[in-house]
Amino acid sequence: MVTASYDKTAKIYGLEAGGSWVKKATIVHKDRVRSATFSADGCLVVTACDDNTAQIYGLGKDGLWVKKATVVHDKAVISATFCVDGRHLVTTSEDHKVRITELWKND
């Protein structure tokens, strides 16, 4: 599960064997986070934020979440969504632009 908050963070949680949710990572931005979404395979998370960025985090082989990339707009990012093909990210912004970012493989 991933949450987005006006406290300038997104938090990633994992479900433990006993049924408890445990925080696995905190993604910090400079302004409120509008949304946070997993990729279809659950290995990436993207945030959309009022600090004009979308941050992409990936799940490493060691089980830790690490920052992979940042997509920058001129104004607040309204939404960030992984495409169904798993190869692209679409971001929209208050700058009236849409960015399509090609994602990497095996990284």
PDB file of N, CA and C in Angstrom:
ATOM      1  N   MET A   1       0.849  -1.157   0.000  1.00  0.00           N
ATOM      2  CA  MET A   1       0.000   0.000   0.000  1.00  0.00           C
ATOM      3  C   MET A   1       0.906   1.233   0.000  1.00  0.00           C
ATOM      4  N   VAL A   2       0.432   2.286  -0.664  1.00  0.00           N
ATOM      5  CA  VAL A   2       1.170   3.554  -0.669  1.00  0.00           C
ATOM      6  C   VAL A   2       0.187   4.687  -0.390  1.00  0.00           C
ATOM      7  N   THR A   3       0.627   5.649   0.425  1.00  0.00           N
ATOM      8  CA  THR A   3      -0.213   6.789   0.767  1.00  0.00           C
ATOM      9  C   THR A   3       0.458   8.080   0.300  1.00  0.00           C
ATOM     10  N   ALA A   4      -0.345   9.098   0.041  1.00  0.00           N
ATOM     11  CA  ALA A   4       0.147  10.429  -0.317  1.00  0.00           C
ATOM     12  C   ALA A   4      -0.433  11.404   0.690  1.00  0.00           C
ATOM     13  N   SER A   5       0.345  12.450   1.032  1.00  0.00           N
ATOM     14  CA  SER A   5      -0.107  13.333   2.097  1.00  0.00           C
ATOM     15  C   SER A   5       0.286  14.785   1.864  1.00  0.00           C
ATOM     16  N   TYR A   6      -0.498  15.671   2.463  1.00  0.00           N
ATOM     17  CA  TYR A   6      -0.170  17.092   2.443  1.00  0.00           C
ATOM     18  C   TYR A   6       1.024  17.407   3.343  1.00  0.00           C
ATOM     19  N   ASP A   7       1.495  16.412   4.118  1.00  0.00           N
ATOM     20  CA  ASP A   7       2.672  16.631   4.965  1.00  0.00           C
ATOM     21  C   ASP A   7       3.983  16.500   4.181  1.00  0.00           C
ATOM     22  N   LYS A   8       3.868  16.484   2.844  1.00  0.00           N
ATOM     23  CA  LYS A   8       5.015  16.451   1.925  1.00  0.00           C
ATOM     24  C   LYS A   8       5.676  15.078   1.829  1.00  0.00           C
ATOM     25  N   THR A   9       4.930  14.026   2.174  1.00  0.00           N
ATOM     26  CA  THR A   9       5.490  12.679   2.081  1.00  0.00           C
ATOM     27  C   THR A   9       4.523  11.713   1.399  1.00  0.00           C
ATOM     28  N   ALA A  10       5.110  10.645   0.896  1.00  0.00           N
ATOM     29  CA  ALA A  10       4.368   9.459   0.485  1.00  0.00           C
ATOM     30  C   ALA A  10       5.006   8.318   1.262  1.00  0.00           C
ATOM     31  N   LYS A  11       4.194   7.395   1.733  1.00  0.00           N
ATOM     32  CA  LYS A  11       4.716   6.289   2.534  1.00  0.00           C
ATOM     33  C   LYS A  11       4.307   4.968   1.912  1.00  0.00           C
ATOM     34  N   ILE A  12       5.289   4.063   1.830  1.00  0.00           N
ATOM     35  CA  ILE A  12       5.066   2.727   1.283  1.00  0.00           C
ATOM     36  C   ILE A  12       4.994   1.754   2.458  1.00  0.00           C
ATOM     37  N   TYR A  13       3.949   0.930   2.463  1.00  0.00           N
ATOM     38  CA  TYR A  13       3.746  -0.052   3.527  1.00  0.00           C
ATOM     39  C   TYR A  13       3.734  -1.462   2.936  1.00  0.00           C
ATOM     40  N   GLY A  14       4.173  -2.418   3.742  1.00  0.00           N
ATOM     41  CA  GLY A  14       4.128  -3.821   3.348  1.00  0.00           C
ATOM     42  C   GLY A  14       3.318  -4.610   4.361  1.00  0.00           C
ATOM     43  N   LEU A  15       2.654  -5.647   3.897  1.00  0.00           N
ATOM     44  CA  LEU A  15       1.824  -6.490   4.756  1.00  0.00           C
ATOM     45  C   LEU A  15       2.679  -7.606   5.331  1.00  0.00           C
ATOM     46  N   GLU A  16       2.729  -7.678   6.639  1.00  0.00           N
ATOM     47  CA  GLU A  16       3.501  -8.712   7.333  1.00  0.00           C
ATOM     48  C   GLU A  16       2.682  -9.999   7.439  1.00  0.00           C
ATOM     49  N   ALA A  17       3.359 -11.103   7.707  1.00  0.00           N
ATOM     50  CA  ALA A  17       2.709 -12.413   7.800  1.00  0.00           C
ATOM     51  C   ALA A  17       1.573 -12.425   8.826  1.00  0.00           C
ATOM     52  N   GLY A  18       1.722 -11.680   9.909  1.00  0.00           N
ATOM     53  CA  GLY A  18       0.700 -11.637  10.948  1.00  0.00           C
ATOM     54  C   GLY A  18      -0.488 -10.752  10.624  1.00  0.00           C
ATOM     55  N   GLY A  19      -0.469 -10.089   9.486  1.00  0.00           N
ATOM     56  CA  GLY A  19      -1.578  -9.240   9.070  1.00  0.00           C
ATOM     57  C   GLY A  19      -1.404  -7.761   9.374  1.00  0.00           C
ATOM     58  N   SER A  20      -0.253  -7.370   9.931  1.00  0.00           N
ATOM     59  CA  SER A  20       0.008  -5.965  10.231  1.00  0.00           C
ATOM     60  C   SER A  20       0.651  -5.268   9.042  1.00  0.00           C
ATOM     61  N   TRP A  21       0.349  -3.992   8.898  1.00  0.00           N
ATOM     62  CA  TRP A  21       0.994  -3.162   7.886  1.00  0.00           C
ATOM     63  C   TRP A  21       2.189  -2.462   8.523  1.00  0.00           C
ATOM     64  N   VAL A  22       3.359  -2.560   7.860  1.00  0.00           N
ATOM     65  CA  VAL A  22       4.590  -1.980   8.380  1.00  0.00           C
ATOM     66  C   VAL A  22       5.157  -1.015   7.341  1.00  0.00           C
ATOM     67  N   LYS A  23       5.560   0.195   7.803  1.00  0.00           N
ATOM     68  CA  LYS A  23       6.139   1.178   6.889  1.00  0.00           C
ATOM     69  C   LYS A  23       7.483   0.680   6.376  1.00  0.00           C
ATOM     70  N   LYS A  24       7.639   0.673   5.062  1.00  0.00           N
ATOM     71  CA  LYS A  24       8.875   0.211   4.421  1.00  0.00           C
ATOM     72  C   LYS A  24       9.728   1.367   3.921  1.00  0.00           C
ATOM     73  N   ALA A  25       9.095   2.490   3.543  1.00  0.00           N
ATOM     74  CA  ALA A  25       9.856   3.628   3.013  1.00  0.00           C
ATOM     75  C   ALA A  25       9.020   4.894   3.096  1.00  0.00           C
ATOM     76  N   THR A  26       9.719   6.029   3.187  1.00  0.00           N
ATOM     77  CA  THR A  26       9.091   7.344   3.134  1.00  0.00           C
ATOM     78  C   THR A  26       9.736   8.142   2.014  1.00  0.00           C
ATOM     79  N   ILE A  27       8.913   8.658   1.112  1.00  0.00           N
ATOM     80  CA  ILE A  27       9.379   9.498   0.009  1.00  0.00           C
ATOM     81  C   ILE A  27       9.089  10.944   0.409  1.00  0.00           C
ATOM     82  N   VAL A  28      10.118  11.776   0.419  1.00  0.00           N
ATOM     83  CA  VAL A  28       9.977  13.156   0.884  1.00  0.00           C
ATOM     84  C   VAL A  28      10.028  14.124  -0.297  1.00  0.00           C
ATOM     85  N   HIS A  29       9.078  15.038  -0.310  1.00  0.00           N
ATOM     86  CA  HIS A  29       9.025  16.100  -1.308  1.00  0.00           C
ATOM     87  C   HIS A  29       9.155  17.450  -0.613  1.00  0.00           C
ATOM     88  N   LYS A  30       9.181  18.527  -1.415  1.00  0.00           N
ATOM     89  CA  LYS A  30       9.280  19.888  -0.874  1.00  0.00           C
ATOM     90  C   LYS A  30       7.920  20.559  -0.715  1.00  0.00           C
ATOM     91  N   ASP A  31       6.864  19.885  -1.172  1.00  0.00           N
ATOM     92  CA  ASP A  31       5.508  20.416  -1.065  1.00  0.00           C
ATOM     93  C   ASP A  31       4.551  19.226  -0.970  1.00  0.00           C
ATOM     94  N   ARG A  32       3.249  19.494  -0.899  1.00  0.00           N
ATOM     95  CA  ARG A  32       2.279  18.416  -0.698  1.00  0.00           C
ATOM     96  C   ARG A  32       2.309  17.400  -1.841  1.00  0.00           C
ATOM     97  N   VAL A  33       2.061  16.159  -1.503  1.00  0.00           N
ATOM     98  CA  VAL A  33       2.028  15.075  -2.479  1.00  0.00           C
ATOM     99  C   VAL A  33       0.567  14.827  -2.843  1.00  0.00           C
ATOM    100  N   ARG A  34       0.250  14.967  -4.114  1.00  0.00           N
ATOM    101  CA  ARG A  34      -1.131  14.819  -4.575  1.00  0.00           C
ATOM    102  C   ARG A  34      -1.550  13.361  -4.715  1.00  0.00           C
ATOM    103  N   SER A  35      -0.616  12.526  -5.196  1.00  0.00           N
ATOM    104  CA  SER A  35      -0.947  11.111  -5.383  1.00  0.00           C
ATOM    105  C   SER A  35       0.313  10.271  -5.384  1.00  0.00           C
ATOM    106  N   ALA A  36       0.118   8.996  -5.130  1.00  0.00           N
ATOM    107  CA  ALA A  36       1.204   8.018  -5.188  1.00  0.00           C
ATOM    108  C   ALA A  36       0.598   6.711  -5.683  1.00  0.00           C
ATOM    109  N   THR A  37       1.275   6.080  -6.652  1.00  0.00           N
ATOM    110  CA  THR A  37       0.711   4.918  -7.325  1.00  0.00           C
ATOM    111  C   THR A  37       1.777   3.867  -7.593  1.00  0.00           C
ATOM    112  N   PHE A  38       1.405   2.606  -7.438  1.00  0.00           N
ATOM    113  CA  PHE A  38       2.285   1.496  -7.805  1.00  0.00           C
ATOM    114  C   PHE A  38       2.179   1.199  -9.300  1.00  0.00           C
ATOM    115  N   SER A  39       3.268   0.678  -9.865  1.00  0.00           N
ATOM    116  CA  SER A  39       3.220   0.121 -11.221  1.00  0.00           C
ATOM    117  C   SER A  39       2.453  -1.200 -11.146  1.00  0.00           C
ATOM    118  N   ALA A  40       2.051  -1.720 -12.291  1.00  0.00           N
ATOM    119  CA  ALA A  40       1.263  -2.960 -12.327  1.00  0.00           C
ATOM    120  C   ALA A  40       1.983  -4.136 -11.678  1.00  0.00           C
ATOM    121  N   ASP A  41       3.308  -4.191 -11.810  1.00  0.00           N
ATOM    122  CA  ASP A  41       4.057  -5.305 -11.222  1.00  0.00           C
ATOM    123  C   ASP A  41       4.435  -5.074  -9.764  1.00  0.00           C
ATOM    124  N   GLY A  42       4.114  -3.882  -9.226  1.00  0.00           N
ATOM    125  CA  GLY A  42       4.381  -3.570  -7.834  1.00  0.00           C
ATOM    126  C   GLY A  42       5.827  -3.256  -7.508  1.00  0.00           C
ATOM    127  N   CYS A  43       6.679  -3.144  -8.518  1.00  0.00           N
ATOM    128  CA  CYS A  43       8.110  -2.901  -8.300  1.00  0.00           C
ATOM    129  C   CYS A  43       8.497  -1.427  -8.365  1.00  0.00           C
ATOM    130  N   LEU A  44       7.590  -0.558  -8.810  1.00  0.00           N
ATOM    131  CA  LEU A  44       7.853   0.877  -8.885  1.00  0.00           C
ATOM    132  C   LEU A  44       6.708   1.637  -8.223  1.00  0.00           C
ATOM    133  N   VAL A  45       7.041   2.808  -7.688  1.00  0.00           N
ATOM    134  CA  VAL A  45       6.046   3.739  -7.157  1.00  0.00           C
ATOM    135  C   VAL A  45       6.346   5.093  -7.772  1.00  0.00           C
ATOM    136  N   VAL A  46       5.300   5.826  -8.143  1.00  0.00           N
ATOM    137  CA  VAL A  46       5.479   7.190  -8.635  1.00  0.00           C
ATOM    138  C   VAL A  46       4.613   8.125  -7.803  1.00  0.00           C
ATOM    139  N   THR A  47       5.159   9.304  -7.513  1.00  0.00           N
ATOM    140  CA  THR A  47       4.417  10.332  -6.793  1.00  0.00           C
ATOM    141  C   THR A  47       4.177  11.520  -7.716  1.00  0.00           C
ATOM    142  N   ALA A  48       3.099  12.245  -7.458  1.00  0.00           N
ATOM    143  CA  ALA A  48       2.812  13.505  -8.149  1.00  0.00           C
ATOM    144  C   ALA A  48       2.734  14.576  -7.078  1.00  0.00           C
ATOM    145  N   CYS A  49       3.492  15.671  -7.268  1.00  0.00           N
ATOM    146  CA  CYS A  49       3.638  16.621  -6.173  1.00  0.00           C
ATOM    147  C   CYS A  49       3.539  18.073  -6.631  1.00  0.00           C
ATOM    148  N   ASP A  50       3.148  18.927  -5.680  1.00  0.00           N
ATOM    149  CA  ASP A  50       3.069  20.357  -5.940  1.00  0.00           C
ATOM    150  C   ASP A  50       4.439  21.018  -6.034  1.00  0.00           C
ATOM    151  N   ASP A  51       5.526  20.286  -5.773  1.00  0.00           N
ATOM    152  CA  ASP A  51       6.880  20.851  -5.914  1.00  0.00           C
ATOM    153  C   ASP A  51       7.393  20.754  -7.355  1.00  0.00           C
ATOM    154  N   ASN A  52       6.476  20.498  -8.292  1.00  0.00           N
ATOM    155  CA  ASN A  52       6.757  20.437  -9.737  1.00  0.00           C
ATOM    156  C   ASN A  52       7.454  19.150 -10.159  1.00  0.00           C
ATOM    157  N   THR A  53       7.427  18.113  -9.308  1.00  0.00           N
ATOM    158  CA  THR A  53       8.112  16.872  -9.646  1.00  0.00           C
ATOM    159  C   THR A  53       7.212  15.653  -9.482  1.00  0.00           C
ATOM    160  N   ALA A  54       7.596  14.624 -10.204  1.00  0.00           N
ATOM    161  CA  ALA A  54       7.098  13.266  -9.980  1.00  0.00           C
ATOM    162  C   ALA A  54       8.345  12.441  -9.700  1.00  0.00           C
ATOM    163  N   GLN A  55       8.353  11.732  -8.592  1.00  0.00           N
ATOM    164  CA  GLN A  55       9.509  10.907  -8.248  1.00  0.00           C
ATOM    165  C   GLN A  55       9.161   9.445  -8.460  1.00  0.00           C
ATOM    166  N   ILE A  56      10.125   8.715  -9.011  1.00  0.00           N
ATOM    167  CA  ILE A  56       9.964   7.286  -9.230  1.00  0.00           C
ATOM    168  C   ILE A  56      10.907   6.552  -8.289  1.00  0.00           C
ATOM    169  N   TYR A  57      10.343   5.638  -7.514  1.00  0.00           N
ATOM    170  CA  TYR A  57      11.122   4.773  -6.621  1.00  0.00           C
ATOM    171  C   TYR A  57      10.959   3.336  -7.070  1.00  0.00           C
ATOM    172  N   GLY A  58      12.015   2.554  -6.913  1.00  0.00           N
ATOM    173  CA  GLY A  58      11.983   1.157  -7.298  1.00  0.00           C
ATOM    174  C   GLY A  58      12.365   0.253  -6.142  1.00  0.00           C
ATOM    175  N   LEU A  59      11.802  -0.943  -6.148  1.00  0.00           N
ATOM    176  CA  LEU A  59      12.101  -1.940  -5.133  1.00  0.00           C
ATOM    177  C   LEU A  59      13.359  -2.695  -5.532  1.00  0.00           C
ATOM    178  N   GLY A  60      14.391  -2.579  -4.709  1.00  0.00           N
ATOM    179  CA  GLY A  60      15.666  -3.243  -4.986  1.00  0.00           C
ATOM    180  C   GLY A  60      15.627  -4.721  -4.630  1.00  0.00           C
ATOM    181  N   LYS A  61      16.605  -5.454  -5.090  1.00  0.00           N
ATOM    182  CA  LYS A  61      16.705  -6.892  -4.798  1.00  0.00           C
ATOM    183  C   LYS A  61      16.856  -7.149  -3.303  1.00  0.00           C
ATOM    184  N   ASP A  62      17.369  -6.143  -2.580  1.00  0.00           N
ATOM    185  CA  ASP A  62      17.541  -6.269  -1.133  1.00  0.00           C
ATOM    186  C   ASP A  62      16.266  -5.923  -0.362  1.00  0.00           C
ATOM    187  N   GLY A  63      15.188  -5.597  -1.082  1.00  0.00           N
ATOM    188  CA  GLY A  63      13.916  -5.276  -0.446  1.00  0.00           C
ATOM    189  C   GLY A  63      13.764  -3.822  -0.041  1.00  0.00           C
ATOM    190  N   LEU A  64      14.782  -2.999  -0.323  1.00  0.00           N
ATOM    191  CA  LEU A  64      14.722  -1.576   0.013  1.00  0.00           C
ATOM    192  C   LEU A  64      14.222  -0.769  -1.185  1.00  0.00           C
ATOM    193  N   TRP A  65      13.482   0.307  -0.901  1.00  0.00           N
ATOM    194  CA  TRP A  65      12.993   1.208  -1.942  1.00  0.00           C
ATOM    195  C   TRP A  65      14.029   2.292  -2.184  1.00  0.00           C
ATOM    196  N   VAL A  66      14.415   2.498  -3.453  1.00  0.00           N
ATOM    197  CA  VAL A  66      15.435   3.490  -3.801  1.00  0.00           C
ATOM    198  C   VAL A  66      14.917   4.410  -4.902  1.00  0.00           C
ATOM    199  N   LYS A  67      15.346   5.674  -4.835  1.00  0.00           N
ATOM    200  CA  LYS A  67      14.948   6.643  -5.848  1.00  0.00           C
ATOM    201  C   LYS A  67      15.607   6.297  -7.170  1.00  0.00           C
ATOM    202  N   LYS A  68      14.795   6.239  -8.226  1.00  0.00           N
ATOM    203  CA  LYS A  68      15.275   5.896  -9.563  1.00  0.00           C
ATOM    204  C   LYS A  68      15.354   7.107 -10.482  1.00  0.00           C
ATOM    205  N   ALA A  69      14.368   8.000 -10.387  1.00  0.00           N
ATOM    206  CA  ALA A  69      14.335   9.134 -11.321  1.00  0.00           C
ATOM    207  C   ALA A  69      13.359  10.190 -10.823  1.00  0.00           C
ATOM    208  N   THR A  70      13.519  11.387 -11.374  1.00  0.00           N
ATOM    209  CA  THR A  70      12.606  12.497 -11.111  1.00  0.00           C
ATOM    210  C   THR A  70      12.200  13.105 -12.448  1.00  0.00           C
ATOM    211  N   VAL A  71      10.896  13.300 -12.631  1.00  0.00           N
ATOM    212  CA  VAL A  71      10.368  13.985 -13.810  1.00  0.00           C
ATOM    213  C   VAL A  71      10.001  15.397 -13.348  1.00  0.00           C
ATOM    214  N   VAL A  72      10.499  16.407 -14.061  1.00  0.00           N
ATOM    215  CA  VAL A  72      10.311  17.794 -13.647  1.00  0.00           C
ATOM    216  C   VAL A  72       9.398  18.533 -14.625  1.00  0.00           C
ATOM    217  N   HIS A  73       8.453  19.279 -14.068  1.00  0.00           N
ATOM    218  CA  HIS A  73       7.582  20.164 -14.832  1.00  0.00           C
ATOM    219  C   HIS A  73       7.828  21.600 -14.371  1.00  0.00           C
ATOM    220  N   ASP A  74       7.226  22.564 -15.070  1.00  0.00           N
ATOM    221  CA  ASP A  74       7.366  23.973 -14.705  1.00  0.00           C
ATOM    222  C   ASP A  74       6.411  24.391 -13.586  1.00  0.00           C
ATOM    223  N   LYS A  75       5.353  23.605 -13.387  1.00  0.00           N
ATOM    224  CA  LYS A  75       4.388  23.866 -12.308  1.00  0.00           C
ATOM    225  C   LYS A  75       4.024  22.540 -11.649  1.00  0.00           C
ATOM    226  N   ALA A  76       3.108  22.590 -10.692  1.00  0.00           N
ATOM    227  CA  ALA A  76       2.729  21.401  -9.917  1.00  0.00           C
ATOM    228  C   ALA A  76       2.319  20.234 -10.812  1.00  0.00           C
ATOM    229  N   VAL A  77       2.743  19.043 -10.435  1.00  0.00           N
ATOM    230  CA  VAL A  77       2.350  17.827 -11.149  1.00  0.00           C
ATOM    231  C   VAL A  77       0.979  17.404 -10.614  1.00  0.00           C
ATOM    232  N   ILE A  78       0.016  17.311 -11.517  1.00  0.00           N
ATOM    233  CA  ILE A  78      -1.360  16.972 -11.151  1.00  0.00           C
ATOM    234  C   ILE A  78      -1.530  15.467 -11.017  1.00  0.00           C
ATOM    235  N   SER A  79      -0.951  14.724 -11.952  1.00  0.00           N
ATOM    236  CA  SER A  79      -1.076  13.269 -11.886  1.00  0.00           C
ATOM    237  C   SER A  79       0.139  12.602 -12.519  1.00  0.00           C
ATOM    238  N   ALA A  80       0.373  11.387 -12.076  1.00  0.00           N
ATOM    239  CA  ALA A  80       1.457  10.559 -12.611  1.00  0.00           C
ATOM    240  C   ALA A  80       0.941   9.129 -12.640  1.00  0.00           C
ATOM    241  N   THR A  81       0.969   8.524 -13.822  1.00  0.00           N
ATOM    242  CA  THR A  81       0.375   7.204 -14.009  1.00  0.00           C
ATOM    243  C   THR A  81       1.275   6.330 -14.875  1.00  0.00           C
ATOM    244  N   PHE A  82       1.449   5.090 -14.449  1.00  0.00           N
ATOM    245  CA  PHE A  82       2.175   4.120 -15.267  1.00  0.00           C
ATOM    246  C   PHE A  82       1.250   3.627 -16.371  1.00  0.00           C
ATOM    247  N   CYS A  83       1.784   3.517 -17.584  1.00  0.00           N
ATOM    248  CA  CYS A  83       1.011   2.968 -18.696  1.00  0.00           C
ATOM    249  C   CYS A  83       0.852   1.460 -18.509  1.00  0.00           C
ATOM    250  N   VAL A  84      -0.190   0.933 -19.107  1.00  0.00           N
ATOM    251  CA  VAL A  84      -0.474  -0.495 -19.009  1.00  0.00           C
ATOM    252  C   VAL A  84       0.677  -1.329 -19.571  1.00  0.00           C
ATOM    253  N   ASP A  85       1.403  -0.790 -20.555  1.00  0.00           N
ATOM    254  CA  ASP A  85       2.494  -1.555 -21.163  1.00  0.00           C
ATOM    255  C   ASP A  85       3.695  -1.732 -20.223  1.00  0.00           C
ATOM    256  N   GLY A  86       3.682  -1.004 -19.083  1.00  0.00           N
ATOM    257  CA  GLY A  86       4.767  -1.123 -18.121  1.00  0.00           C
ATOM    258  C   GLY A  86       6.062  -0.463 -18.556  1.00  0.00           C
ATOM    259  N   ARG A  87       6.063   0.206 -19.692  1.00  0.00           N
ATOM    260  CA  ARG A  87       7.288   0.792 -20.243  1.00  0.00           C
ATOM    261  C   ARG A  87       7.301   2.311 -20.218  1.00  0.00           C
ATOM    262  N   HIS A  88       6.172   2.920 -19.862  1.00  0.00           N
ATOM    263  CA  HIS A  88       6.078   4.375 -19.916  1.00  0.00           C
ATOM    264  C   HIS A  88       5.352   4.926 -18.689  1.00  0.00           C
ATOM    265  N   LEU A  89       5.675   6.182 -18.387  1.00  0.00           N
ATOM    266  CA  LEU A  89       5.021   6.931 -17.330  1.00  0.00           C
ATOM    267  C   LEU A  89       4.439   8.194 -17.961  1.00  0.00           C
ATOM    268  N   VAL A  90       3.204   8.533 -17.609  1.00  0.00           N
ATOM    269  CA  VAL A  90       2.566   9.747 -18.117  1.00  0.00           C
ATOM    270  C   VAL A  90       2.354  10.690 -16.940  1.00  0.00           C
ATOM    271  N   THR A  91       2.848  11.937 -17.074  1.00  0.00           N
ATOM    272  CA  THR A  91       2.622  12.958 -16.052  1.00  0.00           C
ATOM    273  C   THR A  91       1.913  14.144 -16.682  1.00  0.00           C
ATOM    274  N   THR A  92       1.016  14.754 -15.906  1.00  0.00           N
ATOM    275  CA  THR A  92       0.342  15.980 -16.337  1.00  0.00           C
ATOM    276  C   THR A  92       0.585  17.042 -15.274  1.00  0.00           C
ATOM    277  N   SER A  93       0.545  18.297 -15.717  1.00  0.00           N
ATOM    278  CA  SER A  93       0.923  19.377 -14.817  1.00  0.00           C
ATOM    279  C   SER A  93       0.068  20.606 -15.017  1.00  0.00           C
ATOM    280  N   GLU A  94       0.109  21.481 -14.011  1.00  0.00           N
ATOM    281  CA  GLU A  94      -0.552  22.778 -14.127  1.00  0.00           C
ATOM    282  C   GLU A  94       0.135  23.670 -15.157  1.00  0.00           C
ATOM    283  N   ASP A  95       1.278  23.243 -15.698  1.00  0.00           N
ATOM    284  CA  ASP A  95       1.937  23.981 -16.782  1.00  0.00           C
ATOM    285  C   ASP A  95       1.303  23.657 -18.136  1.00  0.00           C
ATOM    286  N   HIS A  96       0.203  22.876 -18.117  1.00  0.00           N
ATOM    287  CA  HIS A  96      -0.559  22.493 -19.314  1.00  0.00           C
ATOM    288  C   HIS A  96       0.245  21.585 -20.243  1.00  0.00           C
ATOM    289  N   LYS A  97       1.183  20.834 -19.675  1.00  0.00           N
ATOM    290  CA  LYS A  97       1.985  19.909 -20.473  1.00  0.00           C
ATOM    291  C   LYS A  97       1.773  18.481 -19.979  1.00  0.00           C
ATOM    292  N   VAL A  98       1.877  17.573 -20.917  1.00  0.00           N
ATOM    293  CA  VAL A  98       1.865  16.140 -20.628  1.00  0.00           C
ATOM    294  C   VAL A  98       3.236  15.608 -21.013  1.00  0.00           C
ATOM    295  N   ARG A  99       3.840  14.856 -20.133  1.00  0.00           N
ATOM    296  CA  ARG A  99       5.132  14.236 -20.447  1.00  0.00           C
ATOM    297  C   ARG A  99       4.951  12.726 -20.450  1.00  0.00           C
ATOM    298  N   ILE A 100       5.509  12.102 -21.468  1.00  0.00           N
ATOM    299  CA  ILE A 100       5.549  10.647 -21.538  1.00  0.00           C
ATOM    300  C   ILE A 100       7.011  10.253 -21.390  1.00  0.00           C
ATOM    301  N   THR A 101       7.318   9.546 -20.317  1.00  0.00           N
ATOM    302  CA  THR A 101       8.688   9.174 -20.002  1.00  0.00           C
ATOM    303  C   THR A 101       8.860   7.681 -20.190  1.00  0.00           C
ATOM    304  N   GLU A 102       9.856   7.310 -20.974  1.00  0.00           N
ATOM    305  CA  GLU A 102      10.149   5.888 -21.160  1.00  0.00           C
ATOM    306  C   GLU A 102      10.913   5.380 -19.945  1.00  0.00           C
ATOM    307  N   LEU A 103      10.449   4.273 -19.417  1.00  0.00           N
ATOM    308  CA  LEU A 103      11.102   3.669 -18.259  1.00  0.00           C
ATOM    309  C   LEU A 103      12.193   2.712 -18.721  1.00  0.00           C
ATOM    310  N   TRP A 104      13.088   2.406 -17.833  1.00  0.00           N
ATOM    311  CA  TRP A 104      14.229   1.539 -18.120  1.00  0.00           C
ATOM    312  C   TRP A 104      13.853   0.085 -17.857  1.00  0.00           C
ATOM    313  N   LYS A 105      14.687  -0.813 -18.333  1.00  0.00           N
ATOM    314  CA  LYS A 105      14.486  -2.255 -18.102  1.00  0.00           C
ATOM    315  C   LYS A 105      15.621  -2.791 -17.258  1.00  0.00           C
ATOM    316  N   ASN A 106      15.307  -3.743 -16.394  1.00  0.00           N
ATOM    317  CA  ASN A 106      16.302  -4.479 -15.593  1.00  0.00           C
ATOM    318  C   ASN A 106      17.237  -3.581 -14.811  1.00  0.00           C
ATOM    319  N   ASP A 107      16.707  -2.535 -14.225  1.00  0.00           N
ATOM    320  CA  ASP A 107      17.553  -1.635 -13.434  1.00  0.00           C
ATOM    321  C   ASP A 107      17.083  -1.621 -12.000  1.00  0.00           C
TER     322      ASP A 107
END
